[in-house]
Amino acid sequence: MAQNQLGNSGVGTGNGGSNVLSIVSFPLSAIAILFFPIIFGVVAIILAAVGLARKERLAKIALVVAIAATVTGMLLGAMAVSAVS
């Protein structure tokens, strides 16, 4: 009778109850705007895509934000490099 009420651990059930990957994607997207968009942005996109596959509720929004932040960070980086040289 020590079984979890969900019948399993509740991890990866695909019910959309957990938004952990999508939520982690948001701060990584914000960091990607100013610092290393090729690293933080890609990680944010991957986390949001995995969240989308797991049917997380916020995954679509996180994916759009991650892509936009990555592109914005790359454009800002290119403008900064061109302004210096």
PDB file of N, CA and C in Angstrom:
ATOM      1  N   MET A   1       0.813  -1.192   0.000  1.00  0.00           N
ATOM      2  CA  MET A   1       0.000   0.000   0.000  1.00  0.00           C
ATOM      3  C   MET A   1       0.858   1.258   0.000  1.00  0.00           C
ATOM      4  N   ALA A   2       2.138   1.093  -0.206  1.00  0.00           N
ATOM      5  CA  ALA A   2       3.033   2.242  -0.256  1.00  0.00           C
ATOM      6  C   ALA A   2       3.159   2.792  -1.670  1.00  0.00           C
ATOM      7  N   GLN A   3       2.270   2.360  -2.564  1.00  0.00           N
ATOM      8  CA  GLN A   3       2.337   2.807  -3.956  1.00  0.00           C
ATOM      9  C   GLN A   3       1.901   4.262  -4.065  1.00  0.00           C
ATOM     10  N   ASN A   4       2.560   4.972  -4.953  1.00  0.00           N
ATOM     11  CA  ASN A   4       2.221   6.363  -5.221  1.00  0.00           C
ATOM     12  C   ASN A   4       0.790   6.436  -5.754  1.00  0.00           C
ATOM     13  N   GLN A   5       0.080   7.490  -5.450  1.00  0.00           N
ATOM     14  CA  GLN A   5      -1.295   7.614  -5.905  1.00  0.00           C
ATOM     15  C   GLN A   5      -1.404   7.666  -7.419  1.00  0.00           C
ATOM     16  N   LEU A   6      -0.345   8.129  -8.091  1.00  0.00           N
ATOM     17  CA  LEU A   6      -0.355   8.172  -9.545  1.00  0.00           C
ATOM     18  C   LEU A   6      -0.113   6.797 -10.154  1.00  0.00           C
ATOM     19  N   GLY A   7       0.364   5.874  -9.374  1.00  0.00           N
ATOM     20  CA  GLY A   7       0.635   4.545  -9.880  1.00  0.00           C
ATOM     21  C   GLY A   7       2.060   4.405 -10.394  1.00  0.00           C
ATOM     22  N   ASN A   8       2.763   5.504 -10.512  1.00  0.00           N
ATOM     23  CA  ASN A   8       4.168   5.486 -10.927  1.00  0.00           C
ATOM     24  C   ASN A   8       4.850   6.686 -10.305  1.00  0.00           C
ATOM     25  N   SER A   9       6.027   6.974 -10.742  1.00  0.00           N
ATOM     26  CA  SER A   9       6.777   8.073 -10.130  1.00  0.00           C
ATOM     27  C   SER A   9       6.250   9.433 -10.529  1.00  0.00           C
ATOM     28  N   GLY A  10       5.445   9.519 -11.575  1.00  0.00           N
ATOM     29  CA  GLY A  10       4.921  10.800 -12.029  1.00  0.00           C
ATOM     30  C   GLY A  10       5.885  11.542 -12.934  1.00  0.00           C
ATOM     31  N   VAL A  11       7.045  10.979 -13.191  1.00  0.00           N
ATOM     32  CA  VAL A  11       8.040  11.627 -14.040  1.00  0.00           C
ATOM     33  C   VAL A  11       7.853  11.127 -15.463  1.00  0.00           C
ATOM     34  N   GLY A  12       7.732  12.065 -16.396  1.00  0.00           N
ATOM     35  CA  GLY A  12       7.642  11.700 -17.800  1.00  0.00           C
ATOM     36  C   GLY A  12       6.341  11.040 -18.191  1.00  0.00           C
ATOM     37  N   THR A  13       5.276  11.333 -17.483  1.00  0.00           N
ATOM     38  CA  THR A  13       4.007  10.703 -17.807  1.00  0.00           C
ATOM     39  C   THR A  13       3.336  11.312 -19.020  1.00  0.00           C
ATOM     40  N   GLY A  14       3.783  12.510 -19.430  1.00  0.00           N
ATOM     41  CA  GLY A  14       3.217  13.129 -20.621  1.00  0.00           C
ATOM     42  C   GLY A  14       1.866  13.766 -20.391  1.00  0.00           C
ATOM     43  N   ASN A  15       1.492  13.981 -19.155  1.00  0.00           N
ATOM     44  CA  ASN A  15       0.191  14.566 -18.883  1.00  0.00           C
ATOM     45  C   ASN A  15       0.213  16.079 -18.891  1.00  0.00           C
ATOM     46  N   GLY A  16       1.357  16.684 -19.095  1.00  0.00           N
ATOM     47  CA  GLY A  16       1.447  18.138 -19.151  1.00  0.00           C
ATOM     48  C   GLY A  16       1.427  18.799 -17.789  1.00  0.00           C
ATOM     49  N   GLY A  17       1.502  18.049 -16.717  1.00  0.00           N
ATOM     50  CA  GLY A  17       1.433  18.620 -15.389  1.00  0.00           C
ATOM     51  C   GLY A  17       2.719  19.306 -14.952  1.00  0.00           C
ATOM     52  N   SER A  18       3.827  18.905 -15.519  1.00  0.00           N
ATOM     53  CA  SER A  18       5.110  19.470 -15.139  1.00  0.00           C
ATOM     54  C   SER A  18       5.636  20.344 -16.265  1.00  0.00           C
ATOM     55  N   ASN A  19       6.064  21.546 -15.924  1.00  0.00           N
ATOM     56  CA  ASN A  19       6.599  22.479 -16.916  1.00  0.00           C
ATOM     57  C   ASN A  19       8.063  22.784 -16.658  1.00  0.00           C
ATOM     58  N   VAL A  20       8.777  21.875 -16.050  1.00  0.00           N
ATOM     59  CA  VAL A  20      10.139  22.144 -15.608  1.00  0.00           C
ATOM     60  C   VAL A  20      11.047  22.522 -16.780  1.00  0.00           C
ATOM     61  N   LEU A  21      11.031  21.754 -17.844  1.00  0.00           N
ATOM     62  CA  LEU A  21      11.920  22.030 -18.967  1.00  0.00           C
ATOM     63  C   LEU A  21      11.583  23.360 -19.626  1.00  0.00           C
ATOM     64  N   SER A  22      10.312  23.651 -19.755  1.00  0.00           N
ATOM     65  CA  SER A  22       9.893  24.917 -20.358  1.00  0.00           C
ATOM     66  C   SER A  22      10.295  26.095 -19.481  1.00  0.00           C
ATOM     67  N   ILE A  23      10.135  25.950 -18.184  1.00  0.00           N
ATOM     68  CA  ILE A  23      10.478  27.036 -17.262  1.00  0.00           C
ATOM     69  C   ILE A  23      11.985  27.272 -17.237  1.00  0.00           C
ATOM     70  N   VAL A  24      12.781  26.227 -17.296  1.00  0.00           N
ATOM     71  CA  VAL A  24      14.230  26.385 -17.340  1.00  0.00           C
ATOM     72  C   VAL A  24      14.657  27.048 -18.649  1.00  0.00           C
ATOM     73  N   SER A  25      13.905  26.811 -19.702  1.00  0.00           N
ATOM     74  CA  SER A  25      14.217  27.394 -21.004  1.00  0.00           C
ATOM     75  C   SER A  25      14.113  28.921 -21.001  1.00  0.00           C
ATOM     76  N   PHE A  26      13.200  29.483 -20.214  1.00  0.00           N
ATOM     77  CA  PHE A  26      13.008  30.940 -20.200  1.00  0.00           C
ATOM     78  C   PHE A  26      14.237  31.710 -19.698  1.00  0.00           C
ATOM     79  N   PRO A  27      14.812  31.392 -18.540  1.00  0.00           N
ATOM     80  CA  PRO A  27      16.010  32.140 -18.125  1.00  0.00           C
ATOM     81  C   PRO A  27      17.209  31.904 -19.044  1.00  0.00           C
ATOM     82  N   LEU A  28      17.312  30.695 -19.596  1.00  0.00           N
ATOM     83  CA  LEU A  28      18.390  30.451 -20.550  1.00  0.00           C
ATOM     84  C   LEU A  28      18.225  31.324 -21.791  1.00  0.00           C
ATOM     85  N   SER A  29      16.987  31.545 -22.193  1.00  0.00           N
ATOM     86  CA  SER A  29      16.725  32.429 -23.336  1.00  0.00           C
ATOM     87  C   SER A  29      17.132  33.860 -23.017  1.00  0.00           C
ATOM     88  N   ALA A  30      16.830  34.296 -21.810  1.00  0.00           N
ATOM     89  CA  ALA A  30      17.207  35.657 -21.407  1.00  0.00           C
ATOM     90  C   ALA A  30      18.724  35.810 -21.372  1.00  0.00           C
ATOM     91  N   ILE A  31      19.416  34.804 -20.880  1.00  0.00           N
ATOM     92  CA  ILE A  31      20.880  34.847 -20.843  1.00  0.00           C
ATOM     93  C   ILE A  31      21.438  34.852 -22.260  1.00  0.00           C
ATOM     94  N   ALA A  32      20.778  34.135 -23.168  1.00  0.00           N
ATOM     95  CA  ALA A  32      21.259  34.023 -24.552  1.00  0.00           C
ATOM     96  C   ALA A  32      21.234  35.353 -25.289  1.00  0.00           C
ATOM     97  N   ILE A  33      20.424  36.283 -24.849  1.00  0.00           N
ATOM     98  CA  ILE A  33      20.364  37.580 -25.531  1.00  0.00           C
ATOM     99  C   ILE A  33      21.686  38.323 -25.374  1.00  0.00           C
ATOM    100  N   LEU A  34      22.317  38.217 -24.216  1.00  0.00           N
ATOM    101  CA  LEU A  34      23.542  38.978 -23.960  1.00  0.00           C
ATOM    102  C   LEU A  34      24.822  38.154 -23.944  1.00  0.00           C
ATOM    103  N   PHE A  35      24.743  36.891 -23.543  1.00  0.00           N
ATOM    104  CA  PHE A  35      25.941  36.084 -23.375  1.00  0.00           C
ATOM    105  C   PHE A  35      25.836  34.774 -24.145  1.00  0.00           C
ATOM    106  N   PHE A  36      26.754  34.532 -25.037  1.00  0.00           N
ATOM    107  CA  PHE A  36      26.897  33.261 -25.739  1.00  0.00           C
ATOM    108  C   PHE A  36      25.576  32.685 -26.264  1.00  0.00           C
ATOM    109  N   PRO A  37      24.929  33.370 -27.197  1.00  0.00           N
ATOM    110  CA  PRO A  37      23.643  32.873 -27.696  1.00  0.00           C
ATOM    111  C   PRO A  37      23.750  31.511 -28.376  1.00  0.00           C
ATOM    112  N   ILE A  38      24.904  31.208 -28.935  1.00  0.00           N
ATOM    113  CA  ILE A  38      25.053  29.920 -29.608  1.00  0.00           C
ATOM    114  C   ILE A  38      25.025  28.761 -28.612  1.00  0.00           C
ATOM    115  N   ILE A  39      25.382  29.030 -27.364  1.00  0.00           N
ATOM    116  CA  ILE A  39      25.359  27.976 -26.344  1.00  0.00           C
ATOM    117  C   ILE A  39      24.036  27.997 -25.578  1.00  0.00           C
ATOM    118  N   PHE A  40      23.758  29.125 -24.914  1.00  0.00           N
ATOM    119  CA  PHE A  40      22.552  29.198 -24.082  1.00  0.00           C
ATOM    120  C   PHE A  40      21.280  29.127 -24.918  1.00  0.00           C
ATOM    121  N   GLY A  41      21.300  29.742 -26.087  1.00  0.00           N
ATOM    122  CA  GLY A  41      20.125  29.720 -26.942  1.00  0.00           C
ATOM    123  C   GLY A  41      19.807  28.330 -27.459  1.00  0.00           C
ATOM    124  N   VAL A  42      20.838  27.623 -27.889  1.00  0.00           N
ATOM    125  CA  VAL A  42      20.621  26.270 -28.398  1.00  0.00           C
ATOM    126  C   VAL A  42      20.143  25.343 -27.282  1.00  0.00           C
ATOM    127  N   VAL A  43      20.711  25.483 -26.096  1.00  0.00           N
ATOM    128  CA  VAL A  43      20.250  24.662 -24.964  1.00  0.00           C
ATOM    129  C   VAL A  43      18.792  24.983 -24.636  1.00  0.00           C
ATOM    130  N   ALA A  44      18.430  26.273 -24.676  1.00  0.00           N
ATOM    131  CA  ALA A  44      17.043  26.666 -24.409  1.00  0.00           C
ATOM    132  C   ALA A  44      16.100  26.088 -25.465  1.00  0.00           C
ATOM    133  N   ILE A  45      16.525  26.106 -26.725  1.00  0.00           N
ATOM    134  CA  ILE A  45      15.702  25.540 -27.803  1.00  0.00           C
ATOM    135  C   ILE A  45      15.536  24.037 -27.612  1.00  0.00           C
ATOM    136  N   ILE A  46      16.611  23.357 -27.256  1.00  0.00           N
ATOM    137  CA  ILE A  46      16.530  21.908 -27.046  1.00  0.00           C
ATOM    138  C   ILE A  46      15.606  21.576 -25.881  1.00  0.00           C
ATOM    139  N   LEU A  47      15.741  22.306 -24.768  1.00  0.00           N
ATOM    140  CA  LEU A  47      14.863  22.049 -23.615  1.00  0.00           C
ATOM    141  C   LEU A  47      13.404  22.303 -23.957  1.00  0.00           C
ATOM    142  N   ALA A  48      13.134  23.377 -24.691  1.00  0.00           N
ATOM    143  CA  ALA A  48      11.755  23.673 -25.078  1.00  0.00           C
ATOM    144  C   ALA A  48      11.211  22.610 -26.031  1.00  0.00           C
ATOM    145  N   ALA A  49      12.048  22.123 -26.943  1.00  0.00           N
ATOM    146  CA  ALA A  49      11.607  21.079 -27.871  1.00  0.00           C
ATOM    147  C   ALA A  49      11.319  19.769 -27.145  1.00  0.00           C
ATOM    148  N   VAL A  50      12.160  19.438 -26.181  1.00  0.00           N
ATOM    149  CA  VAL A  50      11.900  18.230 -25.386  1.00  0.00           C
ATOM    150  C   VAL A  50      10.621  18.418 -24.566  1.00  0.00           C
ATOM    151  N   GLY A  51      10.440  19.619 -24.028  1.00  0.00           N
ATOM    152  CA  GLY A  51       9.206  19.912 -23.306  1.00  0.00           C
ATOM    153  C   GLY A  51       7.986  19.795 -24.200  1.00  0.00           C
ATOM    154  N   LEU A  52       8.128  20.211 -25.449  1.00  0.00           N
ATOM    155  CA  LEU A  52       7.029  20.082 -26.413  1.00  0.00           C
ATOM    156  C   LEU A  52       6.719  18.613 -26.681  1.00  0.00           C
ATOM    157  N   ALA A  53       7.755  17.801 -26.790  1.00  0.00           N
ATOM    158  CA  ALA A  53       7.554  16.365 -26.998  1.00  0.00           C
ATOM    159  C   ALA A  53       6.895  15.713 -25.783  1.00  0.00           C
ATOM    160  N   ARG A  54       7.176  16.268 -24.597  1.00  0.00           N
ATOM    161  CA  ARG A  54       6.566  15.735 -23.371  1.00  0.00           C
ATOM    162  C   ARG A  54       5.203  16.368 -23.094  1.00  0.00           C
ATOM    163  N   LYS A  55       4.754  17.212 -24.025  1.00  0.00           N
ATOM    164  CA  LYS A  55       3.445  17.866 -23.943  1.00  0.00           C
ATOM    165  C   LYS A  55       3.302  18.781 -22.733  1.00  0.00           C
ATOM    166  N   GLU A  56       4.384  19.533 -22.456  1.00  0.00           N
ATOM    167  CA  GLU A  56       4.309  20.524 -21.387  1.00  0.00           C
ATOM    168  C   GLU A  56       3.483  21.715 -21.868  1.00  0.00           C
ATOM    169  N   ARG A  57       2.756  22.295 -20.961  1.00  0.00           N
ATOM    170  CA  ARG A  57       1.816  23.358 -21.292  1.00  0.00           C
ATOM    171  C   ARG A  57       2.508  24.607 -21.829  1.00  0.00           C
ATOM    172  N   LEU A  58       3.653  24.971 -21.298  1.00  0.00           N
ATOM    173  CA  LEU A  58       4.357  26.193 -21.690  1.00  0.00           C
ATOM    174  C   LEU A  58       5.390  25.975 -22.790  1.00  0.00           C
ATOM    175  N   ALA A  59       5.477  24.788 -23.343  1.00  0.00           N
ATOM    176  CA  ALA A  59       6.559  24.444 -24.260  1.00  0.00           C
ATOM    177  C   ALA A  59       6.525  25.253 -25.557  1.00  0.00           C
ATOM    178  N   LYS A  60       5.349  25.480 -26.116  1.00  0.00           N
ATOM    179  CA  LYS A  60       5.273  26.235 -27.379  1.00  0.00           C
ATOM    180  C   LYS A  60       5.760  27.664 -27.191  1.00  0.00           C
ATOM    181  N   ILE A  61       5.347  28.276 -26.105  1.00  0.00           N
ATOM    182  CA  ILE A  61       5.775  29.643 -25.821  1.00  0.00           C
ATOM    183  C   ILE A  61       7.281  29.669 -25.556  1.00  0.00           C
ATOM    184  N   ALA A  62       7.770  28.700 -24.812  1.00  0.00           N
ATOM    185  CA  ALA A  62       9.200  28.638 -24.507  1.00  0.00           C
ATOM    186  C   ALA A  62      10.026  28.448 -25.771  1.00  0.00           C
ATOM    187  N   LEU A  63       9.525  27.655 -26.714  1.00  0.00           N
ATOM    188  CA  LEU A  63      10.247  27.426 -27.959  1.00  0.00           C
ATOM    189  C   LEU A  63      10.325  28.698 -28.792  1.00  0.00           C
ATOM    190  N   VAL A  64       9.229  29.416 -28.884  1.00  0.00           N
ATOM    191  CA  VAL A  64       9.221  30.677 -29.642  1.00  0.00           C
ATOM    192  C   VAL A  64      10.153  31.697 -28.989  1.00  0.00           C
ATOM    193  N   VAL A  65      10.082  31.809 -27.674  1.00  0.00           N
ATOM    194  CA  VAL A  65      10.945  32.754 -26.952  1.00  0.00           C
ATOM    195  C   VAL A  65      12.410  32.369 -27.110  1.00  0.00           C
ATOM    196  N   ALA A  66      12.719  31.083 -27.031  1.00  0.00           N
ATOM    197  CA  ALA A  66      14.108  30.629 -27.155  1.00  0.00           C
ATOM    198  C   ALA A  66      14.665  30.927 -28.544  1.00  0.00           C
ATOM    199  N   ILE A  67      13.881  30.688 -29.575  1.00  0.00           N
ATOM    200  CA  ILE A  67      14.340  30.973 -30.937  1.00  0.00           C
ATOM    201  C   ILE A  67      14.533  32.470 -31.130  1.00  0.00           C
ATOM    202  N   ALA A  68      13.566  33.260 -30.673  1.00  0.00           N
ATOM    203  CA  ALA A  68      13.671  34.718 -30.817  1.00  0.00           C
ATOM    204  C   ALA A  68      14.869  35.270 -30.040  1.00  0.00           C
ATOM    205  N   ALA A  69      15.097  34.769 -28.846  1.00  0.00           N
ATOM    206  CA  ALA A  69      16.216  35.250 -28.032  1.00  0.00           C
ATOM    207  C   ALA A  69      17.555  34.856 -28.648  1.00  0.00           C
ATOM    208  N   THR A  70      17.621  33.668 -29.220  1.00  0.00           N
ATOM    209  CA  THR A  70      18.860  33.231 -29.854  1.00  0.00           C
ATOM    210  C   THR A  70      19.186  34.089 -31.066  1.00  0.00           C
ATOM    211  N   VAL A  71      18.194  34.338 -31.889  1.00  0.00           N
ATOM    212  CA  VAL A  71      18.402  35.178 -33.069  1.00  0.00           C
ATOM    213  C   VAL A  71      18.762  36.601 -32.649  1.00  0.00           C
ATOM    214  N   THR A  72      18.061  37.127 -31.660  1.00  0.00           N
ATOM    215  CA  THR A  72      18.355  38.479 -31.167  1.00  0.00           C
ATOM    216  C   THR A  72      19.770  38.564 -30.613  1.00  0.00           C
ATOM    217  N   GLY A  73      20.171  37.572 -29.837  1.00  0.00           N
ATOM    218  CA  GLY A  73      21.522  37.554 -29.280  1.00  0.00           C
ATOM    219  C   GLY A  73      22.590  37.496 -30.361  1.00  0.00           C
ATOM    220  N   MET A  74      22.334  36.705 -31.397  1.00  0.00           N
ATOM    221  CA  MET A  74      23.301  36.622 -32.492  1.00  0.00           C
ATOM    222  C   MET A  74      23.380  37.942 -33.267  1.00  0.00           C
ATOM    223  N   LEU A  75      22.240  38.574 -33.472  1.00  0.00           N
ATOM    224  CA  LEU A  75      22.248  39.884 -34.159  1.00  0.00           C
ATOM    225  C   LEU A  75      22.950  40.938 -33.323  1.00  0.00           C
ATOM    226  N   LEU A  76      22.685  40.969 -32.029  1.00  0.00           N
ATOM    227  CA  LEU A  76      23.378  41.922 -31.149  1.00  0.00           C
ATOM    228  C   LEU A  76      24.890  41.672 -31.133  1.00  0.00           C
ATOM    229  N   GLY A  77      25.271  40.414 -31.119  1.00  0.00           N
ATOM    230  CA  GLY A  77      26.687  40.083 -31.159  1.00  0.00           C
ATOM    231  C   GLY A  77      27.339  40.511 -32.458  1.00  0.00           C
ATOM    232  N   ALA A  78      26.640  40.302 -33.564  1.00  0.00           N
ATOM    233  CA  ALA A  78      27.182  40.724 -34.861  1.00  0.00           C
ATOM    234  C   ALA A  78      27.294  42.247 -34.941  1.00  0.00           C
ATOM    235  N   MET A  79      26.317  42.941 -34.397  1.00  0.00           N
ATOM    236  CA  MET A  79      26.383  44.416 -34.400  1.00  0.00           C
ATOM    237  C   MET A  79      27.520  44.899 -33.511  1.00  0.00           C
ATOM    238  N   ALA A  80      27.736  44.250 -32.387  1.00  0.00           N
ATOM    239  CA  ALA A  80      28.821  44.658 -31.491  1.00  0.00           C
ATOM    240  C   ALA A  80      30.187  44.434 -32.138  1.00  0.00           C
ATOM    241  N   VAL A  81      30.329  43.311 -32.822  1.00  0.00           N
ATOM    242  CA  VAL A  81      31.600  43.005 -33.489  1.00  0.00           C
ATOM    243  C   VAL A  81      31.843  43.986 -34.632  1.00  0.00           C
ATOM    244  N   SER A  82      30.804  44.297 -35.392  1.00  0.00           N
ATOM    245  CA  SER A  82      30.982  45.218 -36.523  1.00  0.00           C
ATOM    246  C   SER A  82      31.245  46.655 -36.039  1.00  0.00           C
ATOM    247  N   ALA A  83      30.722  46.995 -34.873  1.00  0.00           N
ATOM    248  CA  ALA A  83      30.959  48.349 -34.343  1.00  0.00           C
ATOM    249  C   ALA A  83      32.389  48.495 -33.847  1.00  0.00           C
ATOM    250  N   VAL A  84      32.972  47.422 -33.372  1.00  0.00           N
ATOM    251  CA  VAL A  84      34.333  47.467 -32.845  1.00  0.00           C
ATOM    252  C   VAL A  84      35.352  47.507 -33.990  1.00  0.00           C
ATOM    253  N   SER A  85      35.081  46.768 -35.044  1.00  0.00           N
ATOM    254  CA  SER A  85      36.060  46.726 -36.129  1.00  0.00           C
ATOM    255  C   SER A  85      35.837  47.753 -37.211  1.00  0.00           C
TER     256      SER A  85
END
